[in-house]
PDB file of N, CA and C in Angstrom:
ATOM      1  N   UNK A   1       4.053 -22.235  -5.322  1.00  0.00           N
ATOM      2  CA  UNK A   1       5.265 -21.477  -5.455  1.00  0.00           C
ATOM      3  C   UNK A   1       4.944 -20.100  -6.015  1.00  0.00           C
ATOM      4  N   UNK A   2       5.625 -19.076  -5.513  1.00  0.00           N
ATOM      5  CA  UNK A   2       5.395 -17.704  -5.955  1.00  0.00           C
ATOM      6  C   UNK A   2       5.959 -17.487  -7.355  1.00  0.00           C
ATOM      7  N   UNK A   3       5.395 -16.519  -8.031  1.00  0.00           N
ATOM      8  CA  UNK A   3       5.916 -16.185  -9.348  1.00  0.00           C
ATOM      9  C   UNK A   3       7.340 -15.683  -9.215  1.00  0.00           C
ATOM     10  N   UNK A   4       8.076 -15.812 -10.286  1.00  0.00           N
ATOM     11  CA  UNK A   4       9.486 -15.448 -10.260  1.00  0.00           C
ATOM     12  C   UNK A   4       9.706 -13.965  -9.969  1.00  0.00           C
ATOM     13  N   UNK A   5       8.807 -13.099 -10.440  1.00  0.00           N
ATOM     14  CA  UNK A   5       9.002 -11.674 -10.250  1.00  0.00           C
ATOM     15  C   UNK A   5       8.237 -11.111  -9.055  1.00  0.00           C
ATOM     16  N   UNK A   6       7.656 -11.948  -8.232  1.00  0.00           N
ATOM     17  CA  UNK A   6       6.914 -11.457  -7.078  1.00  0.00           C
ATOM     18  C   UNK A   6       7.796 -11.464  -5.837  1.00  0.00           C
ATOM     19  N   UNK A   7       7.447 -10.576  -4.906  1.00  0.00           N
ATOM     20  CA  UNK A   7       8.183 -10.460  -3.663  1.00  0.00           C
ATOM     21  C   UNK A   7       7.216 -10.738  -2.524  1.00  0.00           C
ATOM     22  N   UNK A   8       7.589 -11.628  -1.645  1.00  0.00           N
ATOM     23  CA  UNK A   8       6.741 -11.950  -0.499  1.00  0.00           C
ATOM     24  C   UNK A   8       7.055 -10.960   0.615  1.00  0.00           C
ATOM     25  N   UNK A   9       6.046 -10.237   1.061  1.00  0.00           N
ATOM     26  CA  UNK A   9       6.235  -9.241   2.111  1.00  0.00           C
ATOM     27  C   UNK A   9       5.160  -9.416   3.177  1.00  0.00           C
ATOM     28  N   UNK A  10       5.453  -8.914   4.351  1.00  0.00           N
ATOM     29  CA  UNK A  10       4.468  -8.889   5.426  1.00  0.00           C
ATOM     30  C   UNK A  10       4.077  -7.446   5.646  1.00  0.00           C
ATOM     31  N   UNK A  11       2.777  -7.199   5.727  1.00  0.00           N
ATOM     32  CA  UNK A  11       2.293  -5.847   5.966  1.00  0.00           C
ATOM     33  C   UNK A  11       1.354  -5.875   7.157  1.00  0.00           C
ATOM     34  N   UNK A  12       1.210  -4.744   7.830  1.00  0.00           N
ATOM     35  CA  UNK A  12       0.266  -4.689   8.946  1.00  0.00           C
ATOM     36  C   UNK A  12      -1.169  -4.946   8.468  1.00  0.00           C
ATOM     37  N   UNK A  13      -1.941  -5.589   9.306  1.00  0.00           N
ATOM     38  CA  UNK A  13      -3.309  -5.960   8.971  1.00  0.00           C
ATOM     39  C   UNK A  13      -4.158  -4.743   8.637  1.00  0.00           C
ATOM     40  N   UNK A  14      -3.966  -3.634   9.361  1.00  0.00           N
ATOM     41  CA  UNK A  14      -4.766  -2.437   9.142  1.00  0.00           C
ATOM     42  C   UNK A  14      -4.544  -1.875   7.736  1.00  0.00           C
ATOM     43  N   UNK A  15      -3.302  -1.869   7.270  1.00  0.00           N
ATOM     44  CA  UNK A  15      -3.026  -1.362   5.923  1.00  0.00           C
ATOM     45  C   UNK A  15      -3.732  -2.228   4.886  1.00  0.00           C
ATOM     46  N   UNK A  16      -3.670  -3.541   5.072  1.00  0.00           N
ATOM     47  CA  UNK A  16      -4.327  -4.448   4.129  1.00  0.00           C
ATOM     48  C   UNK A  16      -5.837  -4.216   4.124  1.00  0.00           C
ATOM     49  N   UNK A  17      -6.431  -4.075   5.303  1.00  0.00           N
ATOM     50  CA  UNK A  17      -7.878  -3.864   5.385  1.00  0.00           C
ATOM     51  C   UNK A  17      -8.283  -2.527   4.782  1.00  0.00           C
ATOM     52  N   UNK A  18      -7.493  -1.476   5.023  1.00  0.00           N
ATOM     53  CA  UNK A  18      -7.798  -0.165   4.442  1.00  0.00           C
ATOM     54  C   UNK A  18      -7.691  -0.206   2.922  1.00  0.00           C
ATOM     55  N   UNK A  19      -6.676  -0.864   2.410  1.00  0.00           N
ATOM     56  CA  UNK A  19      -6.505  -0.978   0.959  1.00  0.00           C
ATOM     57  C   UNK A  19      -7.657  -1.783   0.358  1.00  0.00           C
ATOM     58  N   UNK A  20      -8.059  -2.855   1.023  1.00  0.00           N
ATOM     59  CA  UNK A  20      -9.157  -3.685   0.534  1.00  0.00           C
ATOM     60  C   UNK A  20     -10.453  -2.880   0.499  1.00  0.00           C
ATOM     61  N   UNK A  21     -10.706  -2.093   1.527  1.00  0.00           N
ATOM     62  CA  UNK A  21     -11.920  -1.274   1.575  1.00  0.00           C
ATOM     63  C   UNK A  21     -11.919  -0.247   0.441  1.00  0.00           C
ATOM     64  N   UNK A  22     -10.773   0.382   0.200  1.00  0.00           N
ATOM     65  CA  UNK A  22     -10.677   1.373  -0.877  1.00  0.00           C
ATOM     66  C   UNK A  22     -10.903   0.724  -2.243  1.00  0.00           C
ATOM     67  N   UNK A  23     -10.332  -0.456  -2.449  1.00  0.00           N
ATOM     68  CA  UNK A  23     -10.530  -1.153  -3.723  1.00  0.00           C
ATOM     69  C   UNK A  23     -11.981  -1.590  -3.894  1.00  0.00           C
ATOM     70  N   UNK A  24     -12.609  -2.027  -2.819  1.00  0.00           N
ATOM     71  CA  UNK A  24     -14.031  -2.405  -2.895  1.00  0.00           C
ATOM     72  C   UNK A  24     -14.879  -1.197  -3.283  1.00  0.00           C
ATOM     73  N   UNK A  25     -14.572  -0.023  -2.726  1.00  0.00           N
ATOM     74  CA  UNK A  25     -15.304   1.198  -3.077  1.00  0.00           C
ATOM     75  C   UNK A  25     -15.102   1.542  -4.551  1.00  0.00           C
ATOM     76  N   UNK A  26     -13.859   1.414  -5.037  1.00  0.00           N
ATOM     77  CA  UNK A  26     -13.594   1.684  -6.449  1.00  0.00           C
ATOM     78  C   UNK A  26     -14.357   0.704  -7.340  1.00  0.00           C
ATOM     79  N   UNK A  27     -14.431  -0.557  -6.913  1.00  0.00           N
ATOM     80  CA  UNK A  27     -15.161  -1.561  -7.692  1.00  0.00           C
ATOM     81  C   UNK A  27     -16.652  -1.243  -7.722  1.00  0.00           C
ATOM     82  N   UNK A  28     -17.204  -0.883  -6.575  1.00  0.00           N
ATOM     83  CA  UNK A  28     -18.636  -0.547  -6.508  1.00  0.00           C
ATOM     84  C   UNK A  28     -18.970   0.670  -7.369  1.00  0.00           C
ATOM     85  N   UNK A  29     -18.037   1.590  -7.513  1.00  0.00           N
ATOM     86  CA  UNK A  29     -18.253   2.784  -8.334  1.00  0.00           C
ATOM     87  C   UNK A  29     -17.858   2.573  -9.790  1.00  0.00           C
ATOM     88  N   UNK A  30     -17.591   1.317 -10.163  1.00  0.00           N
ATOM     89  CA  UNK A  30     -17.239   0.942 -11.541  1.00  0.00           C
ATOM     90  C   UNK A  30     -15.988   1.656 -12.046  1.00  0.00           C
ATOM     91  N   UNK A  31     -15.025   1.894 -11.158  1.00  0.00           N
ATOM     92  CA  UNK A  31     -13.767   2.511 -11.565  1.00  0.00           C
ATOM     93  C   UNK A  31     -12.709   1.460 -11.918  1.00  0.00           C
ATOM     94  N   UNK A  32     -12.871   0.250 -11.407  1.00  0.00           N
ATOM     95  CA  UNK A  32     -11.980  -0.857 -11.753  1.00  0.00           C
ATOM     96  C   UNK A  32     -12.827  -2.100 -11.984  1.00  0.00           C
ATOM     97  N   UNK A  33     -12.264  -3.059 -12.691  1.00  0.00           N
ATOM     98  CA  UNK A  33     -12.974  -4.305 -12.958  1.00  0.00           C
ATOM     99  C   UNK A  33     -12.700  -5.311 -11.842  1.00  0.00           C
ATOM    100  N   UNK A  34     -13.427  -6.390 -11.857  1.00  0.00           N
ATOM    101  CA  UNK A  34     -13.202  -7.440 -10.860  1.00  0.00           C
ATOM    102  C   UNK A  34     -11.787  -8.023 -10.984  1.00  0.00           C
ATOM    103  N   UNK A  35     -11.281  -8.061 -12.210  1.00  0.00           N
ATOM    104  CA  UNK A  35      -9.928  -8.573 -12.444  1.00  0.00           C
ATOM    105  C   UNK A  35      -8.879  -7.706 -11.731  1.00  0.00           C
ATOM    106  N   UNK A  36      -9.137  -6.400 -11.650  1.00  0.00           N
ATOM    107  CA  UNK A  36      -8.199  -5.469 -11.014  1.00  0.00           C
ATOM    108  C   UNK A  36      -8.407  -5.356  -9.508  1.00  0.00           C
ATOM    109  N   UNK A  37      -9.311  -6.125  -8.967  1.00  0.00           N
ATOM    110  CA  UNK A  37      -9.637  -6.047  -7.541  1.00  0.00           C
ATOM    111  C   UNK A  37      -8.604  -6.847  -6.741  1.00  0.00           C
ATOM    112  N   UNK A  38      -7.350  -6.406  -6.806  1.00  0.00           N
ATOM    113  CA  UNK A  38      -6.247  -7.099  -6.143  1.00  0.00           C
ATOM    114  C   UNK A  38      -5.402  -6.081  -5.399  1.00  0.00           C
ATOM    115  N   UNK A  39      -4.684  -6.552  -4.411  1.00  0.00           N
ATOM    116  CA  UNK A  39      -3.844  -5.679  -3.601  1.00  0.00           C
ATOM    117  C   UNK A  39      -2.776  -5.001  -4.445  1.00  0.00           C
ATOM    118  N   UNK A  40      -2.230  -5.716  -5.408  1.00  0.00           N
ATOM    119  CA  UNK A  40      -1.172  -5.139  -6.247  1.00  0.00           C
ATOM    120  C   UNK A  40      -1.711  -3.972  -7.062  1.00  0.00           C
ATOM    121  N   UNK A  41      -2.963  -4.038  -7.466  1.00  0.00           N
ATOM    122  CA  UNK A  41      -3.581  -2.915  -8.177  1.00  0.00           C
ATOM    123  C   UNK A  41      -3.710  -1.721  -7.244  1.00  0.00           C
ATOM    124  N   UNK A  42      -4.029  -1.975  -5.992  1.00  0.00           N
ATOM    125  CA  UNK A  42      -4.100  -0.894  -5.012  1.00  0.00           C
ATOM    126  C   UNK A  42      -2.757  -0.212  -4.836  1.00  0.00           C
ATOM    127  N   UNK A  43      -1.695  -0.988  -4.800  1.00  0.00           N
ATOM    128  CA  UNK A  43      -0.360  -0.401  -4.682  1.00  0.00           C
ATOM    129  C   UNK A  43      -0.004   0.410  -5.928  1.00  0.00           C
ATOM    130  N   UNK A  44      -0.402  -0.076  -7.095  1.00  0.00           N
ATOM    131  CA  UNK A  44      -0.141   0.664  -8.329  1.00  0.00           C
ATOM    132  C   UNK A  44      -0.874   2.005  -8.320  1.00  0.00           C
ATOM    133  N   UNK A  45      -2.131   1.978  -7.898  1.00  0.00           N
ATOM    134  CA  UNK A  45      -2.908   3.215  -7.830  1.00  0.00           C
ATOM    135  C   UNK A  45      -2.362   4.153  -6.757  1.00  0.00           C
ATOM    136  N   UNK A  46      -1.907   3.570  -5.661  1.00  0.00           N
ATOM    137  CA  UNK A  46      -1.343   4.354  -4.570  1.00  0.00           C
ATOM    138  C   UNK A  46      -0.109   5.124  -5.042  1.00  0.00           C
ATOM    139  N   UNK A  47       0.692   4.473  -5.886  1.00  0.00           N
ATOM    140  CA  UNK A  47       1.911   5.125  -6.371  1.00  0.00           C
ATOM    141  C   UNK A  47       1.599   6.288  -7.308  1.00  0.00           C
ATOM    142  N   UNK A  48       0.365   6.384  -7.795  1.00  0.00           N
ATOM    143  CA  UNK A  48      -0.030   7.483  -8.679  1.00  0.00           C
ATOM    144  C   UNK A  48      -0.546   8.697  -7.909  1.00  0.00           C
ATOM    145  N   UNK A  49      -0.723   8.585  -6.598  1.00  0.00           N
ATOM    146  CA  UNK A  49      -1.273   9.701  -5.840  1.00  0.00           C
ATOM    147  C   UNK A  49      -0.238  10.802  -5.657  1.00  0.00           C
ATOM    148  N   UNK A  50      -0.715  12.016  -5.418  1.00  0.00           N
ATOM    149  CA  UNK A  50       0.164  13.175  -5.315  1.00  0.00           C
ATOM    150  C   UNK A  50       1.124  13.083  -4.135  1.00  0.00           C
ATOM    151  N   UNK A  51       0.662  12.595  -3.006  1.00  0.00           N
ATOM    152  CA  UNK A  51       1.499  12.571  -1.816  1.00  0.00           C
ATOM    153  C   UNK A  51       2.482  11.419  -1.761  1.00  0.00           C
ATOM    154  N   UNK A  52       2.462  10.548  -2.736  1.00  0.00           N
ATOM    155  CA  UNK A  52       3.309   9.363  -2.711  1.00  0.00           C
ATOM    156  C   UNK A  52       4.799   9.729  -2.744  1.00  0.00           C
ATOM    157  N   UNK A  53       5.196  10.584  -3.683  1.00  0.00           N
ATOM    158  CA  UNK A  53       6.601  10.966  -3.788  1.00  0.00           C
ATOM    159  C   UNK A  53       7.051  11.718  -2.538  1.00  0.00           C
ATOM    160  N   UNK A  54       6.166  12.566  -2.007  1.00  0.00           N
ATOM    161  CA  UNK A  54       6.502  13.300  -0.787  1.00  0.00           C
ATOM    162  C   UNK A  54       6.704  12.338   0.379  1.00  0.00           C
ATOM    163  N   UNK A  55       5.860  11.325   0.493  1.00  0.00           N
ATOM    164  CA  UNK A  55       6.003  10.369   1.592  1.00  0.00           C
ATOM    165  C   UNK A  55       7.277   9.546   1.443  1.00  0.00           C
ATOM    166  N   UNK A  56       7.694   9.262   0.206  1.00  0.00           N
ATOM    167  CA  UNK A  56       8.955   8.552  -0.004  1.00  0.00           C
ATOM    168  C   UNK A  56      10.139   9.403   0.450  1.00  0.00           C
ATOM    169  N   UNK A  57      10.065  10.711   0.189  1.00  0.00           N
ATOM    170  CA  UNK A  57      11.139  11.604   0.622  1.00  0.00           C
ATOM    171  C   UNK A  57      11.202  11.666   2.147  1.00  0.00           C
ATOM    172  N   UNK A  58      10.037  11.735   2.793  1.00  0.00           N
ATOM    173  CA  UNK A  58       9.994  11.786   4.259  1.00  0.00           C
ATOM    174  C   UNK A  58      10.475  10.474   4.868  1.00  0.00           C
ATOM    175  N   UNK A  59      10.197   9.384   4.213  1.00  0.00           N
ATOM    176  CA  UNK A  59      10.573   8.071   4.723  1.00  0.00           C
ATOM    177  C   UNK A  59      12.087   7.934   4.887  1.00  0.00           C
ATOM    178  N   UNK A  60      12.834   8.613   4.046  1.00  0.00           N
ATOM    179  CA  UNK A  60      14.294   8.531   4.109  1.00  0.00           C
ATOM    180  C   UNK A  60      14.852   9.064   5.423  1.00  0.00           C
ATOM    181  N   UNK A  61      14.092   9.942   6.095  1.00  0.00           N
ATOM    182  CA  UNK A  61      14.622  10.603   7.289  1.00  0.00           C
ATOM    183  C   UNK A  61      13.916  10.205   8.580  1.00  0.00           C
ATOM    184  N   UNK A  62      12.929   9.349   8.495  1.00  0.00           N
ATOM    185  CA  UNK A  62      12.211   8.940   9.713  1.00  0.00           C
ATOM    186  C   UNK A  62      13.095   8.017  10.542  1.00  0.00           C
ATOM    187  N   UNK A  63      13.151   8.253  11.859  1.00  0.00           N
ATOM    188  CA  UNK A  63      13.961   7.379  12.719  1.00  0.00           C
ATOM    189  C   UNK A  63      13.273   6.030  12.931  1.00  0.00           C
ATOM    190  N   UNK A  64      14.047   5.066  13.336  1.00  0.00           N
ATOM    191  CA  UNK A  64      13.479   3.771  13.684  1.00  0.00           C
ATOM    192  C   UNK A  64      12.630   3.929  14.937  1.00  0.00           C
ATOM    193  N   UNK A  65      11.697   3.055  15.124  1.00  0.00           N
ATOM    194  CA  UNK A  65      10.805   3.124  16.281  1.00  0.00           C
ATOM    195  C   UNK A  65      11.601   3.059  17.580  1.00  0.00           C
ATOM    196  N   UNK A  66      12.670   2.268  17.582  1.00  0.00           N
ATOM    197  CA  UNK A  66      13.475   2.123  18.789  1.00  0.00           C
ATOM    198  C   UNK A  66      14.157   3.449  19.172  1.00  0.00           C
ATOM    199  N   UNK A  67      14.429   4.290  18.188  1.00  0.00           N
ATOM    200  CA  UNK A  67      15.092   5.561  18.445  1.00  0.00           C
ATOM    201  C   UNK A  67      14.143   6.601  19.021  1.00  0.00           C
ATOM    202  N   UNK A  68      12.837   6.342  18.971  1.00  0.00           N
ATOM    203  CA  UNK A  68      11.863   7.291  19.479  1.00  0.00           C
ATOM    204  C   UNK A  68      11.606   7.123  20.974  1.00  0.00           C
ATOM    205  N   UNK A  69      12.050   6.017  21.555  1.00  0.00           N
ATOM    206  CA  UNK A  69      11.827   5.777  22.978  1.00  0.00           C
ATOM    207  C   UNK A  69      12.592   6.791  23.818  1.00  0.00           C
ATOM    208  N   UNK A  70      11.938   7.259  24.862  1.00  0.00           N
ATOM    209  CA  UNK A  70      12.596   8.223  25.754  1.00  0.00           C
ATOM    210  C   UNK A  70      13.615   7.488  26.626  1.00  0.00           C
ATOM    211  N   UNK A  71      14.702   8.172  26.897  1.00  0.00           N
ATOM    212  CA  UNK A  71      15.760   7.565  27.697  1.00  0.00           C
ATOM    213  C   UNK A  71      15.551   7.849  29.161  1.00  0.00           C
TER     214      UNK A  71
END
């Protein structure tokens, strides 16, 4: 059973693999411990990046994929 405060989400495989690769690089460079080698830590670090707030603002106005299809 999931923890009470956790949210079960589905993410694209490529995003998961890219995040895992970035965390492995951080671990190899001794920037994080083995305990922090988790996807949730990657999301926490991602939220600290400069472009994160900008991408959230852009996300509010992006159309759905279905709206991009040519008529």
